[in-house]
Protein backbone atom coordinates (compact mmCIF):
# COMPACT_ATOMS: atom_id res chain seq x y z
CA MET A 1 -66.62 -30.53 -56.73
CA ARG A 2 -66.98 -34.32 -56.47
CA ARG A 3 -64.41 -34.82 -59.23
CA THR A 4 -61.96 -32.51 -57.43
CA LEU A 5 -62.45 -34.41 -54.18
CA PHE A 6 -61.98 -37.74 -55.98
CA LEU A 7 -58.73 -36.57 -57.59
CA ALA A 8 -57.48 -35.34 -54.22
CA LEU A 9 -58.16 -38.72 -52.65
CA VAL A 10 -56.36 -40.47 -55.51
CA LEU A 11 -53.32 -38.24 -55.05
CA VAL A 12 -53.28 -38.86 -51.31
CA SER A 13 -53.48 -42.62 -51.87
CA ALA A 14 -50.66 -42.46 -54.41
CA ALA A 15 -48.46 -40.50 -52.03
CA HIS A 16 -49.18 -43.03 -49.27
CA ALA A 17 -48.34 -45.94 -51.54
CA ALA A 18 -45.00 -44.32 -52.41
CA THR A 19 -43.60 -45.22 -48.98
CA PRO A 20 -44.69 -48.79 -48.22
CA GLU A 21 -43.66 -50.33 -44.92
CA PRO A 22 -40.32 -52.15 -45.46
CA LYS A 23 -40.51 -55.83 -44.60
CA ALA A 24 -37.97 -57.01 -42.07
CA GLY A 25 -35.41 -59.52 -43.22
CA VAL A 26 -34.09 -62.62 -41.44
CA SER A 27 -32.34 -62.93 -38.10
CA PHE A 28 -30.91 -66.19 -36.77
CA ASP A 29 -28.48 -67.29 -34.05
CA HIS A 30 -26.72 -70.60 -33.55
CA ASN A 31 -24.02 -71.08 -30.94
CA ASP A 32 -21.22 -68.54 -31.55
CA TRP A 33 -22.58 -67.22 -34.85
CA SER A 34 -25.39 -64.80 -35.72
CA LEU A 35 -27.09 -63.80 -38.97
CA ALA A 36 -29.02 -60.71 -40.02
CA CYS A 37 -30.38 -60.18 -43.54
CA ASP A 38 -32.04 -56.88 -44.37
CA ASN A 39 -34.85 -55.90 -46.73
CA THR A 40 -32.42 -55.35 -49.65
CA ARG A 41 -31.26 -59.01 -49.35
CA THR A 42 -27.85 -58.04 -47.96
CA CYS A 43 -26.81 -60.53 -45.28
CA ARG A 44 -24.25 -60.22 -42.49
CA ALA A 45 -22.99 -63.20 -40.51
CA ALA A 46 -20.98 -62.57 -37.34
CA GLY A 47 -18.85 -65.12 -35.53
CA TYR A 48 -17.32 -64.55 -32.11
CA SER A 49 -14.45 -65.78 -30.03
CA PRO A 50 -15.21 -68.37 -27.36
CA GLU A 51 -16.38 -66.62 -24.21
CA GLU A 52 -13.05 -66.41 -22.41
CA PRO A 53 -11.53 -63.49 -20.46
CA GLY A 54 -9.88 -60.98 -22.78
CA ASN A 55 -10.90 -62.73 -26.00
CA LEU A 56 -13.17 -60.14 -27.62
CA LEU A 57 -12.57 -60.92 -31.28
CA SER A 58 -15.32 -61.09 -33.87
CA LEU A 59 -15.44 -61.80 -37.59
CA MET A 60 -18.19 -60.60 -39.94
CA LEU A 61 -18.96 -61.94 -43.41
CA GLU A 62 -21.14 -59.67 -45.54
CA ARG A 63 -22.74 -60.41 -48.90
CA ALA A 64 -25.14 -58.39 -51.01
CA GLY A 65 -28.05 -60.07 -52.75
CA GLY A 66 -27.98 -61.08 -56.40
CA PRO A 67 -26.04 -63.55 -58.56
CA GLY A 68 -22.26 -63.55 -58.47
CA THR A 69 -21.83 -61.19 -55.54
CA PRO A 70 -18.63 -61.57 -53.48
CA VAL A 71 -18.31 -62.12 -49.75
CA VAL A 72 -16.37 -59.47 -47.84
CA ALA A 73 -14.96 -60.01 -44.34
CA ARG A 74 -14.08 -57.73 -41.46
CA LEU A 75 -12.40 -58.23 -38.08
CA ARG A 76 -13.07 -56.52 -34.76
CA ASN A 77 -10.68 -56.64 -31.82
CA GLY A 78 -12.73 -55.37 -28.89
CA GLU A 79 -11.24 -53.52 -25.96
CA GLY A 80 -11.68 -54.84 -22.44
CA ASP A 81 -10.07 -54.74 -19.01
CA ASP A 82 -8.41 -58.13 -19.44
CA PRO A 83 -5.35 -58.74 -21.65
CA SER A 84 -6.30 -58.87 -25.33
CA PRO A 85 -4.56 -59.22 -28.71
CA THR A 86 -1.99 -56.47 -29.19
CA GLY A 87 0.52 -55.47 -31.83
CA ALA A 88 0.49 -56.53 -35.46
CA LEU A 89 -2.17 -59.21 -36.05
CA ARG A 90 -2.07 -62.15 -38.43
CA LEU A 91 -4.74 -64.63 -39.51
CA ARG A 92 -4.10 -68.36 -39.17
CA LEU A 93 -6.60 -70.88 -40.57
CA ASN A 94 -6.28 -74.60 -39.84
CA GLY A 95 -2.62 -74.05 -39.02
CA LYS A 96 -1.81 -72.05 -42.16
CA ASP A 97 -0.64 -68.43 -41.89
CA LEU A 98 -2.79 -66.29 -44.21
CA GLY A 99 -1.01 -63.00 -43.59
CA PRO A 100 -1.65 -59.72 -41.74
CA VAL A 101 -5.10 -58.46 -40.73
CA ARG A 102 -6.33 -55.20 -39.24
CA ASP A 103 -9.20 -54.24 -36.98
CA THR A 104 -11.91 -52.72 -39.16
CA GLY A 105 -12.42 -49.86 -36.69
CA GLU A 106 -15.58 -47.94 -36.00
CA GLY A 107 -16.17 -47.16 -39.67
CA GLU A 108 -16.19 -50.84 -40.64
CA LYS A 109 -14.25 -50.01 -43.82
CA VAL A 110 -11.15 -52.16 -43.40
CA LEU A 111 -11.56 -55.51 -45.16
CA LEU A 112 -9.67 -58.75 -45.02
CA GLN A 113 -7.79 -59.57 -48.20
CA GLN A 114 -10.00 -61.38 -50.70
CA ALA A 115 -7.77 -64.47 -50.59
CA GLN A 116 -8.19 -64.61 -46.80
CA THR A 117 -11.96 -64.25 -47.13
CA ASP A 118 -12.16 -66.95 -49.80
CA ALA A 119 -10.19 -69.34 -47.58
CA LEU A 120 -12.49 -68.67 -44.62
CA VAL A 121 -15.63 -69.16 -46.70
CA ALA A 122 -14.28 -72.47 -48.04
CA ALA A 123 -13.32 -73.78 -44.59
CA LEU A 124 -16.20 -72.63 -42.37
CA PRO A 125 -18.90 -75.05 -43.58
CA ARG A 126 -16.64 -77.97 -42.68
CA GLN A 127 -14.05 -77.32 -39.98
CA ALA A 128 -12.25 -74.06 -39.44
CA ARG A 129 -9.68 -73.50 -36.71
CA ILE A 130 -9.53 -69.72 -36.90
CA GLU A 131 -6.85 -67.95 -34.90
CA ILE A 132 -5.59 -64.39 -34.70
CA ILE A 133 -1.89 -64.32 -33.88
CA ASP A 134 -0.86 -61.18 -32.01
CA GLY A 135 2.45 -59.35 -31.93
CA LYS A 136 3.71 -61.58 -29.12
CA GLY A 137 2.93 -64.77 -31.02
CA LYS A 138 -0.07 -65.68 -28.87
CA ALA A 139 -3.01 -67.34 -30.64
CA TRP A 140 -6.53 -66.00 -30.00
CA PRO A 141 -9.34 -68.19 -31.42
CA ILE A 142 -12.55 -67.26 -33.22
CA SER A 143 -15.17 -69.99 -32.92
CA ASP A 144 -16.58 -71.88 -35.90
CA SER A 145 -19.39 -73.35 -33.78
CA GLY A 146 -22.67 -72.48 -35.47
CA ALA A 147 -21.09 -71.18 -38.68
CA THR A 148 -22.45 -73.94 -40.94
CA ALA A 149 -26.04 -73.41 -39.80
CA VAL A 150 -25.77 -69.63 -40.10
CA LEU A 151 -24.19 -69.68 -43.57
CA LEU A 152 -26.78 -72.21 -44.75
CA LYS A 153 -29.48 -69.83 -43.51
CA MET A 154 -27.79 -66.99 -45.39
CA ASP A 155 -27.86 -69.02 -48.62
CA GLU A 156 -31.53 -69.77 -48.06
CA ALA A 157 -32.42 -66.12 -47.39
CA GLN A 158 -30.64 -64.99 -50.56
CA GLY A 159 -32.07 -67.78 -52.75
CA ARG A 160 -28.68 -69.40 -53.38
CA LEU A 161 -29.33 -72.98 -52.32
CA GLY A 162 -28.18 -75.40 -55.02
CA THR A 163 -26.27 -72.78 -57.03
CA PRO A 164 -22.51 -72.69 -57.66
CA GLY A 165 -22.23 -69.55 -55.52
CA ALA A 166 -23.85 -71.02 -52.41
CA LEU A 167 -21.67 -71.01 -49.32
CA VAL A 168 -22.80 -74.38 -48.00
CA ARG A 169 -25.16 -76.39 -50.19
CA ARG A 170 -23.81 -75.93 -53.72
CA GLY A 171 -25.26 -77.40 -56.89
CA ASP A 172 -25.62 -76.91 -60.62
CA LYS A 173 -28.70 -74.70 -60.51
CA ALA A 174 -28.03 -71.63 -62.67
CA GLU A 175 -26.36 -68.76 -60.82
CA ALA A 176 -28.64 -66.42 -62.76
CA SER A 177 -31.59 -67.85 -60.81
CA VAL A 178 -30.44 -66.10 -57.64
CA PRO A 179 -32.90 -63.26 -56.88
CA ALA A 180 -31.55 -59.78 -57.51
CA ALA A 181 -30.80 -57.39 -54.69
CA LEU A 182 -33.76 -55.19 -53.80
CA PRO A 183 -33.51 -51.38 -53.88
CA MET A 184 -33.25 -49.54 -50.61
CA PRO A 185 -36.60 -47.87 -49.84
CA VAL A 186 -36.73 -44.08 -49.77
CA VAL A 187 -38.93 -42.44 -47.14
CA VAL A 188 -39.60 -38.72 -47.34
CA HIS A 189 -40.24 -36.79 -44.14
CA GLY A 190 -43.69 -35.27 -43.85
CA LYS A 191 -43.99 -31.71 -42.64
CA LEU A 192 -45.37 -31.37 -39.12
CA ALA A 193 -48.12 -28.88 -38.35
CA SER A 194 -47.49 -26.24 -35.70
CA PRO A 195 -48.66 -27.07 -32.16
CA ARG A 196 -51.98 -25.67 -31.00
CA GLY A 197 -52.75 -24.20 -27.61
CA THR A 198 -55.51 -26.74 -27.12
CA ASP A 199 -53.34 -29.80 -27.75
CA ALA A 200 -52.21 -30.30 -24.15
CA ALA A 201 -55.82 -30.47 -22.94
CA LEU A 202 -56.36 -33.65 -24.99
CA ALA A 203 -54.09 -35.53 -22.61
CA GLN A 204 -56.59 -35.02 -19.78
CA VAL A 205 -59.60 -36.44 -21.63
CA PRO A 206 -60.57 -39.85 -20.10
CA ALA A 207 -62.01 -41.03 -23.42
CA LEU A 208 -58.63 -40.58 -25.09
CA ARG A 209 -56.92 -42.89 -22.60
CA LYS A 210 -59.65 -45.47 -23.20
CA ALA A 211 -59.14 -45.16 -26.95
CA LEU A 212 -55.41 -45.83 -26.55
CA ILE A 213 -56.08 -48.96 -24.50
CA ALA A 214 -58.72 -50.20 -26.93
CA SER A 215 -56.34 -49.92 -29.89
CA LEU A 216 -53.58 -52.08 -28.38
CA PRO A 217 -53.06 -55.36 -30.31
CA ASN A 218 -52.65 -57.04 -26.91
CA ALA A 219 -52.37 -55.88 -23.31
CA ASP A 220 -48.65 -56.72 -23.08
CA GLU A 221 -47.79 -54.14 -25.75
CA CYS A 222 -48.22 -51.44 -23.10
CA ALA A 223 -48.49 -53.14 -19.73
CA ARG A 224 -48.45 -49.98 -17.61
CA LEU A 225 -51.37 -48.49 -19.52
CA SER A 226 -53.30 -51.77 -19.62
CA GLU A 227 -52.83 -52.32 -15.90
CA GLY A 228 -54.30 -48.94 -15.02
CA GLU A 229 -51.19 -46.89 -14.30
CA LYS A 230 -51.94 -43.18 -14.69
CA ASP A 231 -48.72 -42.06 -16.37
CA ASP A 232 -48.91 -38.72 -18.16
CA ILE A 233 -49.98 -38.70 -21.78
CA GLU A 234 -47.96 -36.41 -24.02
CA ILE A 235 -49.42 -34.84 -27.15
CA GLN A 236 -47.53 -33.71 -30.27
CA ARG A 237 -49.29 -32.11 -33.22
CA LEU A 238 -48.82 -34.01 -36.50
CA ASP A 239 -51.23 -32.40 -38.97
CA ALA A 240 -54.47 -30.43 -39.04
CA GLY A 241 -56.54 -33.32 -37.71
CA HIS A 242 -54.14 -35.69 -35.96
CA VAL A 243 -51.80 -35.74 -32.99
CA LEU A 244 -49.21 -38.18 -31.69
CA ALA A 245 -50.12 -39.43 -28.21
CA SER A 246 -47.55 -41.21 -26.06
CA THR A 247 -47.30 -42.64 -22.56
CA SER A 248 -45.01 -44.92 -20.57
CA CYS A 249 -45.33 -48.65 -21.29
CA PHE A 250 -42.33 -50.25 -19.61
CA MET A 251 -39.80 -49.17 -16.98
CA GLY A 252 -36.86 -51.41 -16.07
CA ALA A 253 -33.45 -51.23 -14.50
CA TYR A 254 -31.68 -50.03 -17.67
CA ASN A 255 -34.41 -49.76 -20.34
CA PHE A 256 -37.68 -47.94 -20.66
CA SER A 257 -40.13 -47.60 -23.52
CA SER A 258 -43.22 -45.63 -24.39
CA GLY A 259 -46.23 -46.37 -26.54
CA TYR A 260 -47.12 -44.13 -29.47
CA TRP A 261 -50.45 -43.66 -31.24
CA VAL A 262 -51.66 -41.53 -34.14
CA VAL A 263 -54.93 -40.08 -32.88
CA GLN A 264 -57.65 -37.89 -34.32
CA ASP A 265 -57.83 -34.69 -32.30
CA LYS A 266 -61.59 -35.01 -31.75
CA ALA A 267 -63.84 -37.75 -30.39
CA PRO A 268 -64.08 -40.64 -31.05
CA TYR A 269 -60.27 -40.22 -31.54
CA GLN A 270 -59.81 -43.45 -33.56
CA ALA A 271 -56.38 -44.14 -32.08
CA LYS A 272 -53.99 -46.15 -34.28
CA PHE A 273 -51.21 -47.89 -32.38
CA VAL A 274 -47.73 -47.37 -33.85
CA THR A 275 -45.30 -49.05 -31.45
CA SER A 276 -44.16 -49.48 -27.88
CA ASP A 277 -40.54 -50.04 -28.96
CA ALA A 278 -39.57 -46.38 -28.94
CA GLU A 279 -38.28 -43.91 -26.38
CA ASP A 280 -38.44 -40.54 -28.04
CA PHE A 281 -40.10 -38.45 -30.75
CA ASP A 282 -37.93 -35.79 -32.36
CA ARG A 283 -39.94 -32.96 -33.92
CA ASP A 284 -36.87 -31.66 -35.74
CA ASP A 285 -36.84 -34.64 -38.12
CA ALA A 286 -40.27 -36.18 -37.37
CA MET A 287 -38.69 -39.44 -36.20
CA LEU A 288 -39.54 -41.97 -33.51
CA ARG A 289 -36.52 -43.78 -32.08
CA GLY A 290 -35.78 -46.56 -29.64
CA ARG A 291 -32.44 -47.88 -28.41
CA PHE A 292 -32.38 -50.73 -25.90
CA ARG A 293 -29.64 -52.55 -24.01
CA GLY A 294 -29.56 -56.31 -24.19
CA ARG A 295 -28.04 -56.35 -20.71
CA GLY A 296 -26.94 -53.85 -18.12
CA ILE A 297 -23.26 -53.55 -19.03
CA GLY A 298 -24.21 -52.20 -22.47
CA ASP A 299 -22.34 -54.69 -24.65
CA CYS A 300 -25.29 -55.30 -26.97
CA PHE A 301 -28.14 -53.12 -28.20
CA SER A 302 -31.17 -53.20 -30.45
CA GLY A 303 -32.65 -50.22 -32.23
CA HIS A 304 -35.72 -49.11 -34.21
CA ASP A 305 -36.66 -45.94 -36.12
CA TRP A 306 -39.88 -44.68 -37.67
CA ALA A 307 -40.35 -41.63 -39.92
CA TRP A 308 -43.56 -39.59 -40.23
CA ASP A 309 -44.26 -39.42 -43.98
CA GLY A 310 -47.18 -37.01 -43.70
CA GLN A 311 -49.81 -39.70 -43.19
CA ARG A 312 -48.33 -42.40 -41.00
CA PHE A 313 -45.15 -43.57 -39.31
CA VAL A 314 -43.08 -45.84 -41.55
CA LYS A 315 -40.49 -48.11 -39.98
CA THR A 316 -37.17 -47.14 -41.51
CA SER A 317 -34.60 -49.01 -39.44
CA ALA A 318 -34.25 -52.11 -37.27
CA PHE A 319 -30.95 -53.56 -36.09
CA THR A 320 -29.01 -55.25 -33.32
CA THR A 321 -25.33 -55.07 -32.48
CA GLY A 322 -25.07 -58.86 -32.34
CA GLN A 323 -24.39 -61.13 -29.41
CA CYS A 324 -23.52 -59.77 -25.96
CA ARG A 325 -19.79 -60.43 -25.91
CA GLY A 326 -18.26 -57.87 -23.56
CA VAL A 327 -17.56 -55.06 -26.04
CA ALA A 328 -19.07 -51.70 -25.10
CA GLY A 329 -21.76 -50.84 -27.65
CA GLY A 330 -21.50 -54.24 -29.32
CA HIS A 331 -19.28 -55.47 -32.14
CA TRP A 332 -21.35 -54.81 -35.28
CA THR A 333 -24.46 -53.19 -36.68
CA LEU A 334 -26.62 -56.04 -38.01
CA PRO A 335 -29.73 -54.57 -39.63
CA THR A 336 -32.92 -56.31 -40.70
CA ILE A 337 -34.53 -53.09 -42.03
CA VAL A 338 -32.66 -50.33 -43.87
CA SER A 339 -33.88 -47.28 -45.77
CA THR A 340 -32.90 -43.83 -46.94
CA VAL A 341 -34.76 -41.06 -45.12
CA LYS A 342 -34.95 -37.67 -46.79
């Protein structure tokens, strides 16, 4: 019997170890440029037009981790109420016409020509007067302010400093020394147990509320709960011995968030805090999700996802849409955590 129990514990531990928590990558902003590197070592650097009416252009440079990987570039021409670039677009760099370009669109699949990308990468660390020329011949600038710092940070995050393939600080260090790209983690959904008729009654137990408060890493993680607000606690069955408890943590003009805890369904409850950066739990796919506006007009967002793997919630996604630059929904998806959820 003891051997059987031991083997069962080993198998549970092995299953738990199969889905480690992905470690977030790097995010960095400097002037008109932003950087996000994810947990696979892919980096994305976004540069924006100067903040002027109607100028909603943005350029993104993306590079996977590993030695010898190319940089790819995309362009977004945001839509606004003011006049904006129209007609056939061309790229001009430091006064030189580099040929036609297209908006990458929602799918982000349209790339600049490689020669255009190579010219941008060569010019940005020094001085780059980047202009998009529209069908009427009007020039619309994309700023280079902050690009050097952001691209240097990208090189650092990918381990390229001092190598021939570095974007900013090149050297004769072997290109083969650049760390390889990391595999994308795979997280497998755990199966949820069916709700029980007694689950709802847990929400009314004073000791449960106290257990939630006691488990907070700090009071600010769920201010409404910490400050004594009596918001309802919702209970969702996870497995035979645990439930997901949630309650309101923050309510603002255009964002709200709830706190979530994995809790034993009997005293002393042993609540384990998951996050207060989520809005909703979907039983259909056992996912926690949060989507938050950076400001009221909705031109920038951040997002987070967690998957229940049968034993805990594993963070599977974290991203922003970049700087708040007047484009509904933001220009790009700039992740710091990516994974495949099955």
